[in-house]
Amino acid sequence: MTTSGTGPAGANGAELSVITPVYNESNNIEDLLARLVPVLERCAASFEIIFVDDGSTDDTLECLRAAHHTDPRIRALSLSRNFGKEIAIAAGLDHARGAAAIIMDADLQHPPELIEIFIARWREGYKNVFAQPGDRSLYSPLRRILTHRFYKIFGSVGETSLPEGAGDFRLLDARAVAALRTLREHARFSKGLYAWIGFKSIGVSFDAAPRLHGKSKFSYRKLTHLALDGLMSFSTMPLKVWTFIGSAISGLALTLATFYLIRTLISGVDVPGYASLIVSITFFAGIQLLSLGVIGEYIGRIFAEVKGRPLYLIEERVGIGSAVADDHLSRPRSE
């Protein structure tokens, strides 16, 4: 069967584009390239490696310049500030010109050797080949539990299903990349976008390795924010649930009103306690504020979208031409 994997290369003549977002990863770049380049030379006719420097404060950009000087196939984009990993991935996809693109981290928890299996599956006709970690012992028990619960909740309320454990480490055919370029929302949840675009997909199991240098940039606070972005970008259930909560509370109030009416007719007037009154008022006020908070989260995301700001700004290109204007690549909506 003929697929894009066996067809012509991308617009820049490369068969494969590897996209790696980096933030203060200068200690990992040399080790990553030492393993990644030989793999690509074995399994791809031609390739480019695009690093997206997401506002690093160390010498990451200097390392990328030096790497490009040694090997022109290594290229880089330097964003004007830290926009976050999700936006950095979008910037890399905007500039990828291969017949397929691979997204991977720079800390070597994503083994470059798995790319050979990705490419084999791609040449079989799959347009979205994603890695699924088998052994999760590298993560804390709390993180494993929270991750598992998130996938369960997302599967219950999300408009599309997510493969268990599937992350950013994946191969995307050029058609899938083109589809992702049309999705310009600011509150990005890439895992959901990969699933939403569809295309023929398959998972590849692997064991994640320990991080080589440094520590993860994702704290529990950032992971929580990402999870909320995912749930609110792909589900309106947090809004709808308040209809059910309001109906339940109204039903409870009607039941209590009926109970007190009957009791008053039978036993006479009963003076209610001050404590129960305060507790009731506080409880229902909390319910109202919580519901307003959920609505506010959605309104805040709408506000961010209607301002029409670009997803990112590029400060410097290393080995990447500007044939396509940055304002076109980063504009919030396709025109």
C-alpha atoms as a PDB file:
ATOM      1  CA  MET A   1       0.000   0.000   0.000  1.00  0.00           C
ATOM      2  CA  THR A   2       1.341   3.402  -0.960  1.00  0.00           C
ATOM      3  CA  THR A   3       1.379   5.974   1.821  1.00  0.00           C
ATOM      4  CA  SER A   4       2.845   9.366   2.495  1.00  0.00           C
ATOM      5  CA  GLY A   5       5.710   7.537   4.144  1.00  0.00           C
ATOM      6  CA  THR A   6       6.787   6.055   0.859  1.00  0.00           C
ATOM      7  CA  GLY A   7       5.852   9.036  -1.239  1.00  0.00           C
ATOM      8  CA  PRO A   8       7.655  12.331  -1.914  1.00  0.00           C
ATOM      9  CA  ALA A   9       9.409  14.253   0.787  1.00  0.00           C
ATOM     10  CA  GLY A  10       8.090  17.462   2.259  1.00  0.00           C
ATOM     11  CA  ALA A  11       8.354  20.968   0.845  1.00  0.00           C
ATOM     12  CA  ASN A  12      11.937  21.392   2.050  1.00  0.00           C
ATOM     13  CA  GLY A  13      13.076  18.048   0.638  1.00  0.00           C
ATOM     14  CA  ALA A  14      13.164  16.357   4.069  1.00  0.00           C
ATOM     15  CA  GLU A  15      11.317  13.134   4.644  1.00  0.00           C
ATOM     16  CA  LEU A  16      11.167  13.647   8.404  1.00  0.00           C
ATOM     17  CA  SER A  17      10.968  16.650  10.736  1.00  0.00           C
ATOM     18  CA  VAL A  18      11.734  16.162  14.422  1.00  0.00           C
ATOM     19  CA  ILE A  19      10.273  18.844  16.701  1.00  0.00           C
ATOM     20  CA  THR A  20      11.745  19.271  20.170  1.00  0.00           C
ATOM     21  CA  PRO A  21      10.533  22.042  22.497  1.00  0.00           C
ATOM     22  CA  VAL A  22      13.247  23.079  24.960  1.00  0.00           C
ATOM     23  CA  TYR A  23      13.334  25.275  28.023  1.00  0.00           C
ATOM     24  CA  ASN A  24      16.651  25.475  29.883  1.00  0.00           C
ATOM     25  CA  GLU A  25      17.826  22.148  28.424  1.00  0.00           C
ATOM     26  CA  SER A  26      21.409  23.047  27.501  1.00  0.00           C
ATOM     27  CA  ASN A  27      22.806  20.059  29.426  1.00  0.00           C
ATOM     28  CA  ASN A  28      20.682  17.593  27.456  1.00  0.00           C
ATOM     29  CA  ILE A  29      21.073  18.793  23.875  1.00  0.00           C
ATOM     30  CA  GLU A  30      24.458  17.205  23.092  1.00  0.00           C
ATOM     31  CA  ASP A  31      23.466  13.826  24.552  1.00  0.00           C
ATOM     32  CA  LEU A  32      20.140  13.904  22.730  1.00  0.00           C
ATOM     33  CA  LEU A  33      21.750  14.615  19.360  1.00  0.00           C
ATOM     34  CA  ALA A  34      24.368  11.905  19.922  1.00  0.00           C
ATOM     35  CA  ARG A  35      21.573   9.329  20.034  1.00  0.00           C
ATOM     36  CA  LEU A  36      18.996  10.963  17.780  1.00  0.00           C
ATOM     37  CA  VAL A  37      21.052  11.765  14.663  1.00  0.00           C
ATOM     38  CA  PRO A  38      22.330   8.175  14.099  1.00  0.00           C
ATOM     39  CA  VAL A  39      18.775   6.853  14.399  1.00  0.00           C
ATOM     40  CA  LEU A  40      17.490   9.343  11.841  1.00  0.00           C
ATOM     41  CA  GLU A  41      20.355   8.607   9.477  1.00  0.00           C
ATOM     42  CA  ARG A  42      19.478   4.905   9.607  1.00  0.00           C
ATOM     43  CA  CYS A  43      15.740   5.140   9.027  1.00  0.00           C
ATOM     44  CA  ALA A  44      15.032   8.350   7.097  1.00  0.00           C
ATOM     45  CA  ALA A  45      16.174   9.345   3.636  1.00  0.00           C
ATOM     46  CA  SER A  46      16.508  12.947   4.807  1.00  0.00           C
ATOM     47  CA  PHE A  47      15.555  14.835   7.930  1.00  0.00           C
ATOM     48  CA  GLU A  48      15.597  18.085   9.863  1.00  0.00           C
ATOM     49  CA  ILE A  49      15.637  18.597  13.626  1.00  0.00           C
ATOM     50  CA  ILE A  50      13.765  21.686  14.791  1.00  0.00           C
ATOM     51  CA  PHE A  51      14.378  22.825  18.350  1.00  0.00           C
ATOM     52  CA  VAL A  52      11.916  25.388  19.695  1.00  0.00           C
ATOM     53  CA  ASP A  53      13.609  27.426  22.425  1.00  0.00           C
ATOM     54  CA  ASP A  54      10.741  28.510  24.634  1.00  0.00           C
ATOM     55  CA  GLY A  55      12.382  31.532  26.255  1.00  0.00           C
ATOM     56  CA  SER A  56      15.260  29.717  27.956  1.00  0.00           C
ATOM     57  CA  THR A  57      17.316  31.694  30.478  1.00  0.00           C
ATOM     58  CA  ASP A  58      20.422  29.510  30.258  1.00  0.00           C
ATOM     59  CA  ASP A  59      22.715  28.974  27.249  1.00  0.00           C
ATOM     60  CA  THR A  60      20.330  26.661  25.400  1.00  0.00           C
ATOM     61  CA  LEU A  61      20.180  28.940  22.361  1.00  0.00           C
ATOM     62  CA  GLU A  62      23.978  29.161  22.182  1.00  0.00           C
ATOM     63  CA  CYS A  63      24.161  25.359  22.201  1.00  0.00           C
ATOM     64  CA  LEU A  64      21.633  25.217  19.366  1.00  0.00           C
ATOM     65  CA  ARG A  65      23.588  27.737  17.305  1.00  0.00           C
ATOM     66  CA  ALA A  66      26.730  25.661  17.760  1.00  0.00           C
ATOM     67  CA  ALA A  67      24.884  22.458  16.840  1.00  0.00           C
ATOM     68  CA  HIS A  68      23.552  24.067  13.656  1.00  0.00           C
ATOM     69  CA  HIS A  69      27.052  25.240  12.746  1.00  0.00           C
ATOM     70  CA  THR A  70      28.241  21.634  13.050  1.00  0.00           C
ATOM     71  CA  ASP A  71      25.235  20.099  11.279  1.00  0.00           C
ATOM     72  CA  PRO A  72      22.917  22.343   9.176  1.00  0.00           C
ATOM     73  CA  ARG A  73      20.134  19.768   9.526  1.00  0.00           C
ATOM     74  CA  ILE A  74      19.810  20.951  13.138  1.00  0.00           C
ATOM     75  CA  ARG A  75      17.716  24.103  13.242  1.00  0.00           C
ATOM     76  CA  ALA A  76      16.064  26.220  15.875  1.00  0.00           C
ATOM     77  CA  LEU A  77      13.388  28.786  16.604  1.00  0.00           C
ATOM     78  CA  SER A  78      13.831  31.107  19.562  1.00  0.00           C
ATOM     79  CA  LEU A  79      10.529  32.454  20.896  1.00  0.00           C
ATOM     80  CA  SER A  80      10.462  35.962  22.328  1.00  0.00           C
ATOM     81  CA  ARG A  81       9.495  34.678  25.792  1.00  0.00           C
ATOM     82  CA  ASN A  82       8.267  31.560  27.549  1.00  0.00           C
ATOM     83  CA  PHE A  83       4.905  30.736  25.978  1.00  0.00           C
ATOM     84  CA  GLY A  84       4.633  27.219  27.384  1.00  0.00           C
ATOM     85  CA  LYS A  85       5.250  23.782  25.926  1.00  0.00           C
ATOM     86  CA  GLU A  86       1.891  23.529  24.155  1.00  0.00           C
ATOM     87  CA  ILE A  87       2.517  26.727  22.201  1.00  0.00           C
ATOM     88  CA  ALA A  88       6.140  25.714  21.502  1.00  0.00           C
ATOM     89  CA  ILE A  89       4.880  22.491  19.915  1.00  0.00           C
ATOM     90  CA  ALA A  90       2.491  24.523  17.748  1.00  0.00           C
ATOM     91  CA  ALA A  91       5.398  26.726  16.624  1.00  0.00           C
ATOM     92  CA  GLY A  92       7.431  23.673  15.667  1.00  0.00           C
ATOM     93  CA  LEU A  93       4.542  22.170  13.703  1.00  0.00           C
ATOM     94  CA  ASP A  94       4.086  25.467  11.863  1.00  0.00           C
ATOM     95  CA  HIS A  95       7.677  25.283  10.606  1.00  0.00           C
ATOM     96  CA  ALA A  96       7.948  21.524   9.982  1.00  0.00           C
ATOM     97  CA  ARG A  97       8.237  20.784   6.275  1.00  0.00           C
ATOM     98  CA  GLY A  98       8.826  17.036   6.294  1.00  0.00           C
ATOM     99  CA  ALA A  99       6.467  14.386   4.951  1.00  0.00           C
ATOM    100  CA  ALA A 100       6.042  13.419   8.599  1.00  0.00           C
ATOM    101  CA  ALA A 101       6.830  15.128  11.908  1.00  0.00           C
ATOM    102  CA  ILE A 102       7.938  13.600  15.198  1.00  0.00           C
ATOM    103  CA  ILE A 103       7.406  15.422  18.491  1.00  0.00           C
ATOM    104  CA  MET A 104       9.662  14.473  21.381  1.00  0.00           C
ATOM    105  CA  ASP A 105      11.185  15.912  24.559  1.00  0.00           C
ATOM    106  CA  ALA A 106      14.859  16.744  24.950  1.00  0.00           C
ATOM    107  CA  ASP A 107      15.464  15.030  28.297  1.00  0.00           C
ATOM    108  CA  LEU A 108      15.838  11.525  26.740  1.00  0.00           C
ATOM    109  CA  GLN A 109      12.853  10.150  28.609  1.00  0.00           C
ATOM    110  CA  HIS A 110      11.557   9.668  25.073  1.00  0.00           C
ATOM    111  CA  PRO A 111      14.016   7.144  23.603  1.00  0.00           C
ATOM    112  CA  PRO A 112      15.104   8.152  20.071  1.00  0.00           C
ATOM    113  CA  GLU A 113      15.404   4.479  19.122  1.00  0.00           C
ATOM    114  CA  LEU A 114      11.594   4.212  19.194  1.00  0.00           C
ATOM    115  CA  ILE A 115      11.490   6.456  16.113  1.00  0.00           C
ATOM    116  CA  GLU A 116      12.396   3.456  13.946  1.00  0.00           C
ATOM    117  CA  ILE A 117       9.171   1.742  15.025  1.00  0.00           C
ATOM    118  CA  PHE A 118       7.229   4.980  14.469  1.00  0.00           C
ATOM    119  CA  ILE A 119       8.466   5.198  10.898  1.00  0.00           C
ATOM    120  CA  ALA A 120       7.732   1.537  10.230  1.00  0.00           C
ATOM    121  CA  ARG A 121       4.132   2.024  11.386  1.00  0.00           C
ATOM    122  CA  TRP A 122       3.855   5.211   9.327  1.00  0.00           C
ATOM    123  CA  ARG A 123       4.973   3.391   6.211  1.00  0.00           C
ATOM    124  CA  GLU A 124       2.270   0.816   6.915  1.00  0.00           C
ATOM    125  CA  GLY A 125      -0.300   3.587   6.489  1.00  0.00           C
ATOM    126  CA  TYR A 126      -0.780   5.019   9.989  1.00  0.00           C
ATOM    127  CA  LYS A 127      -0.852   8.808  10.119  1.00  0.00           C
ATOM    128  CA  ASN A 128      -0.758   9.231  13.900  1.00  0.00           C
ATOM    129  CA  VAL A 129       1.663   6.920  15.712  1.00  0.00           C
ATOM    130  CA  PHE A 130       1.867   7.646  19.439  1.00  0.00           C
ATOM    131  CA  ALA A 131       3.942   6.267  22.288  1.00  0.00           C
ATOM    132  CA  GLN A 132       2.274   4.784  25.355  1.00  0.00           C
ATOM    133  CA  PRO A 133       4.453   4.366  28.445  1.00  0.00           C
ATOM    134  CA  GLY A 134       4.263   0.925  29.975  1.00  0.00           C
ATOM    135  CA  ASP A 135       6.256   1.290  33.201  1.00  0.00           C
ATOM    136  CA  ARG A 136       5.200   4.403  35.153  1.00  0.00           C
ATOM    137  CA  SER A 137       7.345   3.748  38.209  1.00  0.00           C
ATOM    138  CA  LEU A 138       9.407   6.858  37.412  1.00  0.00           C
ATOM    139  CA  TYR A 139       6.491   8.995  38.531  1.00  0.00           C
ATOM    140  CA  SER A 140       5.303   9.441  42.095  1.00  0.00           C
ATOM    141  CA  PRO A 141       2.285   7.392  43.265  1.00  0.00           C
ATOM    142  CA  LEU A 142       0.241  10.576  43.606  1.00  0.00           C
ATOM    143  CA  ARG A 143       0.984  11.617  40.023  1.00  0.00           C
ATOM    144  CA  ARG A 144       0.136   8.156  38.724  1.00  0.00           C
ATOM    145  CA  ILE A 145      -3.194   8.203  40.549  1.00  0.00           C
ATOM    146  CA  LEU A 146      -4.078  11.719  39.397  1.00  0.00           C
ATOM    147  CA  THR A 147      -3.094  10.932  35.800  1.00  0.00           C
ATOM    148  CA  HIS A 148      -5.225   7.803  35.776  1.00  0.00           C
ATOM    149  CA  ARG A 149      -8.204   9.689  37.221  1.00  0.00           C
ATOM    150  CA  PHE A 150      -7.816  12.464  34.660  1.00  0.00           C
ATOM    151  CA  TYR A 151      -7.991  10.031  31.741  1.00  0.00           C
ATOM    152  CA  LYS A 152     -11.051   8.397  33.303  1.00  0.00           C
ATOM    153  CA  ILE A 153     -12.811  11.745  33.780  1.00  0.00           C
ATOM    154  CA  PHE A 154     -11.850  12.963  30.304  1.00  0.00           C
ATOM    155  CA  GLY A 155     -13.137   9.735  28.801  1.00  0.00           C
ATOM    156  CA  SER A 156     -16.460  10.248  30.600  1.00  0.00           C
ATOM    157  CA  VAL A 157     -17.100  13.913  29.794  1.00  0.00           C
ATOM    158  CA  GLY A 158     -14.823  14.756  26.847  1.00  0.00           C
ATOM    159  CA  GLU A 159     -16.103  15.017  23.299  1.00  0.00           C
ATOM    160  CA  THR A 160     -13.336  12.692  22.129  1.00  0.00           C
ATOM    161  CA  SER A 161     -11.522   9.801  23.768  1.00  0.00           C
ATOM    162  CA  LEU A 162      -7.843   9.830  24.691  1.00  0.00           C
ATOM    163  CA  PRO A 163      -5.655   6.716  24.469  1.00  0.00           C
ATOM    164  CA  GLU A 164      -4.537   5.853  28.006  1.00  0.00           C
ATOM    165  CA  GLY A 165      -1.165   7.421  28.731  1.00  0.00           C
ATOM    166  CA  ALA A 166      -0.604   8.797  25.216  1.00  0.00           C
ATOM    167  CA  GLY A 167       1.466  11.968  25.334  1.00  0.00           C
ATOM    168  CA  ASP A 168       3.305  14.267  22.956  1.00  0.00           C
ATOM    169  CA  PHE A 169       5.884  11.674  21.844  1.00  0.00           C
ATOM    170  CA  ARG A 170       4.465  10.678  18.466  1.00  0.00           C
ATOM    171  CA  LEU A 171       4.778  10.738  14.699  1.00  0.00           C
ATOM    172  CA  LEU A 172       2.268  12.742  12.657  1.00  0.00           C
ATOM    173  CA  ASP A 173       1.848  12.472   8.916  1.00  0.00           C
ATOM    174  CA  ALA A 174       1.989  15.739   6.951  1.00  0.00           C
ATOM    175  CA  ARG A 175      -1.809  15.626   6.518  1.00  0.00           C
ATOM    176  CA  ALA A 176      -2.265  15.432  10.285  1.00  0.00           C
ATOM    177  CA  VAL A 177       0.226  18.278  10.760  1.00  0.00           C
ATOM    178  CA  ALA A 178      -1.695  20.390   8.236  1.00  0.00           C
ATOM    179  CA  ALA A 179      -4.906  19.729  10.172  1.00  0.00           C
ATOM    180  CA  LEU A 180      -3.288  20.777  13.460  1.00  0.00           C
ATOM    181  CA  ARG A 181      -2.080  24.032  11.890  1.00  0.00           C
ATOM    182  CA  THR A 182      -5.690  25.077  11.376  1.00  0.00           C
ATOM    183  CA  LEU A 183      -6.421  24.774  15.114  1.00  0.00           C
ATOM    184  CA  ARG A 184      -5.261  28.076  16.623  1.00  0.00           C
ATOM    185  CA  GLU A 185      -6.823  28.164  20.089  1.00  0.00           C
ATOM    186  CA  HIS A 186      -4.681  29.668  22.838  1.00  0.00           C
ATOM    187  CA  ALA A 187      -5.742  27.340  25.650  1.00  0.00           C
ATOM    188  CA  ARG A 188      -4.156  24.377  23.926  1.00  0.00           C
ATOM    189  CA  PHE A 189      -4.396  20.794  25.081  1.00  0.00           C
ATOM    190  CA  SER A 190      -2.336  19.037  22.435  1.00  0.00           C
ATOM    191  CA  LYS A 191      -3.223  15.508  23.526  1.00  0.00           C
ATOM    192  CA  GLY A 192      -6.870  16.300  22.890  1.00  0.00           C
ATOM    193  CA  LEU A 193      -6.090  17.952  19.550  1.00  0.00           C
ATOM    194  CA  TYR A 194      -4.165  14.887  18.372  1.00  0.00           C
ATOM    195  CA  ALA A 195      -7.220  12.753  19.113  1.00  0.00           C
ATOM    196  CA  TRP A 196      -9.725  15.266  17.727  1.00  0.00           C
ATOM    197  CA  ILE A 197      -8.222  15.422  14.222  1.00  0.00           C
ATOM    198  CA  GLY A 198      -8.675  11.677  13.848  1.00  0.00           C
ATOM    199  CA  PHE A 199      -6.761   9.865  11.072  1.00  0.00           C
ATOM    200  CA  LYS A 200      -5.602   6.262  11.263  1.00  0.00           C
ATOM    201  CA  SER A 201      -3.772   5.882  14.585  1.00  0.00           C
ATOM    202  CA  ILE A 202      -1.840   3.251  16.507  1.00  0.00           C
ATOM    203  CA  GLY A 203      -0.032   3.138  19.847  1.00  0.00           C
ATOM    204  CA  VAL A 204       3.491   1.865  20.503  1.00  0.00           C
ATOM    205  CA  SER A 205       4.414   0.777  24.019  1.00  0.00           C
ATOM    206  CA  PHE A 206       7.710   1.876  25.569  1.00  0.00           C
ATOM    207  CA  ASP A 207       9.389   2.259  28.944  1.00  0.00           C
ATOM    208  CA  ALA A 208      10.278   5.846  29.768  1.00  0.00           C
ATOM    209  CA  ALA A 209      13.843   6.378  30.937  1.00  0.00           C
ATOM    210  CA  PRO A 210      14.893   8.600  33.851  1.00  0.00           C
ATOM    211  CA  ARG A 211      15.473  12.227  32.968  1.00  0.00           C
ATOM    212  CA  LEU A 212      19.128  12.687  32.013  1.00  0.00           C
ATOM    213  CA  HIS A 213      19.798  16.172  33.449  1.00  0.00           C
ATOM    214  CA  GLY A 214      17.752  18.751  35.289  1.00  0.00           C
ATOM    215  CA  LYS A 215      14.216  18.339  36.539  1.00  0.00           C
ATOM    216  CA  SER A 216      10.757  18.462  35.049  1.00  0.00           C
ATOM    217  CA  LYS A 217       9.312  21.922  34.381  1.00  0.00           C
ATOM    218  CA  PHE A 218       5.796  20.670  35.069  1.00  0.00           C
ATOM    219  CA  SER A 219       4.771  21.220  38.684  1.00  0.00           C
ATOM    220  CA  TYR A 220       1.473  19.929  40.075  1.00  0.00           C
ATOM    221  CA  ARG A 221       0.076  23.451  39.653  1.00  0.00           C
ATOM    222  CA  LYS A 222       0.962  23.505  35.939  1.00  0.00           C
ATOM    223  CA  LEU A 223      -0.345  19.983  35.455  1.00  0.00           C
ATOM    224  CA  THR A 224      -3.618  20.970  37.127  1.00  0.00           C
ATOM    225  CA  HIS A 225      -3.907  23.998  34.856  1.00  0.00           C
ATOM    226  CA  LEU A 226      -3.236  21.809  31.808  1.00  0.00           C
ATOM    227  CA  ALA A 227      -5.878  19.317  32.952  1.00  0.00           C
ATOM    228  CA  LEU A 228      -8.440  22.122  33.340  1.00  0.00           C
ATOM    229  CA  ASP A 229      -7.566  23.412  29.867  1.00  0.00           C
ATOM    230  CA  GLY A 230      -8.141  19.922  28.515  1.00  0.00           C
ATOM    231  CA  LEU A 231     -11.491  19.421  30.216  1.00  0.00           C
ATOM    232  CA  MET A 232     -12.811  22.874  29.344  1.00  0.00           C
ATOM    233  CA  SER A 233     -11.547  22.791  25.762  1.00  0.00           C
ATOM    234  CA  PHE A 234     -13.176  19.467  24.982  1.00  0.00           C
ATOM    235  CA  SER A 235     -16.260  19.399  27.199  1.00  0.00           C
ATOM    236  CA  THR A 236     -19.116  21.646  28.299  1.00  0.00           C
ATOM    237  CA  MET A 237     -20.022  19.236  31.106  1.00  0.00           C
ATOM    238  CA  PRO A 238     -18.622  21.555  33.833  1.00  0.00           C
ATOM    239  CA  LEU A 239     -21.258  24.076  32.716  1.00  0.00           C
ATOM    240  CA  LYS A 240     -24.072  21.578  32.296  1.00  0.00           C
ATOM    241  CA  VAL A 241     -23.500  19.968  35.678  1.00  0.00           C
ATOM    242  CA  TRP A 242     -24.750  23.086  37.447  1.00  0.00           C
ATOM    243  CA  THR A 243     -28.158  22.587  35.834  1.00  0.00           C
ATOM    244  CA  PHE A 244     -28.382  19.225  37.567  1.00  0.00           C
ATOM    245  CA  ILE A 245     -27.014  20.585  40.835  1.00  0.00           C
ATOM    246  CA  GLY A 246     -29.497  23.474  40.730  1.00  0.00           C
ATOM    247  CA  SER A 247     -32.358  21.097  39.990  1.00  0.00           C
ATOM    248  CA  ALA A 248     -31.333  18.817  42.865  1.00  0.00           C
ATOM    249  CA  ILE A 249     -31.086  21.718  45.325  1.00  0.00           C
ATOM    250  CA  SER A 250     -34.436  23.095  44.149  1.00  0.00           C
ATOM    251  CA  GLY A 251     -36.005  19.690  44.640  1.00  0.00           C
ATOM    252  CA  LEU A 252     -34.476  19.467  48.112  1.00  0.00           C
ATOM    253  CA  ALA A 253     -35.762  22.937  48.979  1.00  0.00           C
ATOM    254  CA  LEU A 254     -39.278  22.040  47.797  1.00  0.00           C
ATOM    255  CA  THR A 255     -39.208  18.844  49.838  1.00  0.00           C
ATOM    256  CA  LEU A 256     -38.087  20.712  52.965  1.00  0.00           C
ATOM    257  CA  ALA A 257     -40.735  23.399  52.399  1.00  0.00           C
ATOM    258  CA  THR A 258     -43.421  20.716  52.182  1.00  0.00           C
ATOM    259  CA  PHE A 259     -42.086  19.033  55.321  1.00  0.00           C
ATOM    260  CA  TYR A 260     -42.047  22.264  57.355  1.00  0.00           C
ATOM    261  CA  LEU A 261     -45.522  23.211  56.118  1.00  0.00           C
ATOM    262  CA  ILE A 262     -47.005  19.900  57.211  1.00  0.00           C
ATOM    263  CA  ARG A 263     -45.156  20.013  60.535  1.00  0.00           C
ATOM    264  CA  THR A 264     -46.371  23.568  61.165  1.00  0.00           C
ATOM    265  CA  LEU A 265     -49.991  22.587  60.433  1.00  0.00           C
ATOM    266  CA  ILE A 266     -49.720  19.682  62.849  1.00  0.00           C
ATOM    267  CA  SER A 267     -47.479  21.023  65.629  1.00  0.00           C
ATOM    268  CA  GLY A 268     -47.740  24.767  65.259  1.00  0.00           C
ATOM    269  CA  VAL A 269     -45.100  27.390  64.519  1.00  0.00           C
ATOM    270  CA  ASP A 270     -41.544  26.354  65.248  1.00  0.00           C
ATOM    271  CA  VAL A 271     -38.832  29.032  65.587  1.00  0.00           C
ATOM    272  CA  PRO A 272     -35.818  27.909  63.449  1.00  0.00           C
ATOM    273  CA  GLY A 273     -32.343  27.873  64.934  1.00  0.00           C
ATOM    274  CA  TYR A 274     -29.850  30.609  64.110  1.00  0.00           C
ATOM    275  CA  ALA A 275     -26.988  28.160  63.482  1.00  0.00           C
ATOM    276  CA  SER A 276     -28.902  26.133  60.880  1.00  0.00           C
ATOM    277  CA  LEU A 277     -29.932  29.327  59.112  1.00  0.00           C
ATOM    278  CA  ILE A 278     -26.336  30.576  58.874  1.00  0.00           C
ATOM    279  CA  VAL A 279     -25.096  27.194  57.672  1.00  0.00           C
ATOM    280  CA  SER A 280     -27.767  27.088  54.961  1.00  0.00           C
ATOM    281  CA  ILE A 281     -27.005  30.607  53.751  1.00  0.00           C
ATOM    282  CA  THR A 282     -23.268  29.930  53.682  1.00  0.00           C
ATOM    283  CA  PHE A 283     -23.688  26.636  51.876  1.00  0.00           C
ATOM    284  CA  PHE A 284     -25.864  28.024  49.103  1.00  0.00           C
ATOM    285  CA  ALA A 285     -23.668  31.112  48.744  1.00  0.00           C
ATOM    286  CA  GLY A 286     -20.691  28.802  48.258  1.00  0.00           C
ATOM    287  CA  ILE A 287     -22.591  26.834  45.615  1.00  0.00           C
ATOM    288  CA  GLN A 288     -23.418  30.041  43.754  1.00  0.00           C
ATOM    289  CA  LEU A 289     -19.829  31.325  43.858  1.00  0.00           C
ATOM    290  CA  LEU A 290     -18.482  27.970  42.711  1.00  0.00           C
ATOM    291  CA  SER A 291     -20.866  27.884  39.754  1.00  0.00           C
ATOM    292  CA  LEU A 292     -19.921  31.475  38.865  1.00  0.00           C
ATOM    293  CA  GLY A 293     -16.263  30.458  39.033  1.00  0.00           C
ATOM    294  CA  VAL A 294     -16.783  27.672  36.493  1.00  0.00           C
ATOM    295  CA  ILE A 295     -18.633  30.063  34.186  1.00  0.00           C
ATOM    296  CA  GLY A 296     -15.815  32.569  34.665  1.00  0.00           C
ATOM    297  CA  GLU A 297     -13.232  30.000  33.547  1.00  0.00           C
ATOM    298  CA  TYR A 298     -15.060  29.558  30.262  1.00  0.00           C
ATOM    299  CA  ILE A 299     -15.574  33.303  29.818  1.00  0.00           C
ATOM    300  CA  GLY A 300     -11.862  33.877  30.473  1.00  0.00           C
ATOM    301  CA  ARG A 301     -10.968  31.475  27.685  1.00  0.00           C
ATOM    302  CA  ILE A 302     -13.429  33.177  25.349  1.00  0.00           C
ATOM    303  CA  PHE A 303     -11.853  36.536  26.232  1.00  0.00           C
ATOM    304  CA  ALA A 304      -8.378  35.216  25.390  1.00  0.00           C
ATOM    305  CA  GLU A 305      -9.570  33.977  22.001  1.00  0.00           C
ATOM    306  CA  VAL A 306     -11.499  37.068  20.874  1.00  0.00           C
ATOM    307  CA  LYS A 307      -8.508  39.353  21.481  1.00  0.00           C
ATOM    308  CA  GLY A 308      -6.958  37.734  18.421  1.00  0.00           C
ATOM    309  CA  ARG A 309      -3.340  37.825  19.608  1.00  0.00           C
ATOM    310  CA  PRO A 310      -0.821  35.564  17.826  1.00  0.00           C
ATOM    311  CA  LEU A 311       0.022  32.280  19.486  1.00  0.00           C
ATOM    312  CA  TYR A 312       3.718  33.165  19.716  1.00  0.00           C
ATOM    313  CA  LEU A 313       6.383  35.598  18.541  1.00  0.00           C
ATOM    314  CA  ILE A 314       9.739  34.548  17.125  1.00  0.00           C
ATOM    315  CA  GLU A 315      12.857  36.410  18.207  1.00  0.00           C
ATOM    316  CA  GLU A 316      15.430  34.455  16.199  1.00  0.00           C
ATOM    317  CA  ARG A 317      15.639  31.747  13.574  1.00  0.00           C
ATOM    318  CA  VAL A 318      18.623  29.425  13.344  1.00  0.00           C
ATOM    319  CA  GLY A 319      18.857  27.738   9.960  1.00  0.00           C
ATOM    320  CA  ILE A 320      15.163  28.269   9.210  1.00  0.00           C
ATOM    321  CA  GLY A 321      14.146  30.606   6.405  1.00  0.00           C
ATOM    322  CA  SER A 322      11.256  33.047   6.561  1.00  0.00           C
ATOM    323  CA  ALA A 323       9.576  32.168   3.286  1.00  0.00           C
ATOM    324  CA  VAL A 324       6.291  32.215   5.167  1.00  0.00           C
ATOM    325  CA  ALA A 325       5.753  35.318   7.270  1.00  0.00           C
ATOM    326  CA  ASP A 326       5.633  34.883  11.014  1.00  0.00           C
ATOM    327  CA  ASP A 327       2.397  36.805  11.299  1.00  0.00           C
ATOM    328  CA  HIS A 328       0.783  34.185   9.059  1.00  0.00           C
ATOM    329  CA  LEU A 329       2.244  31.242  10.960  1.00  0.00           C
ATOM    330  CA  SER A 330       1.300  32.538  14.378  1.00  0.00           C
ATOM    331  CA  ARG A 331      -2.002  34.253  13.703  1.00  0.00           C
ATOM    332  CA  PRO A 332      -4.775  32.926  15.968  1.00  0.00           C
ATOM    333  CA  ARG A 333      -7.069  31.755  13.170  1.00  0.00           C
ATOM    334  CA  SER A 334      -6.570  30.490   9.650  1.00  0.00           C
ATOM    335  CA  GLU A 335      -7.858  32.903   7.036  1.00  0.00           C
END
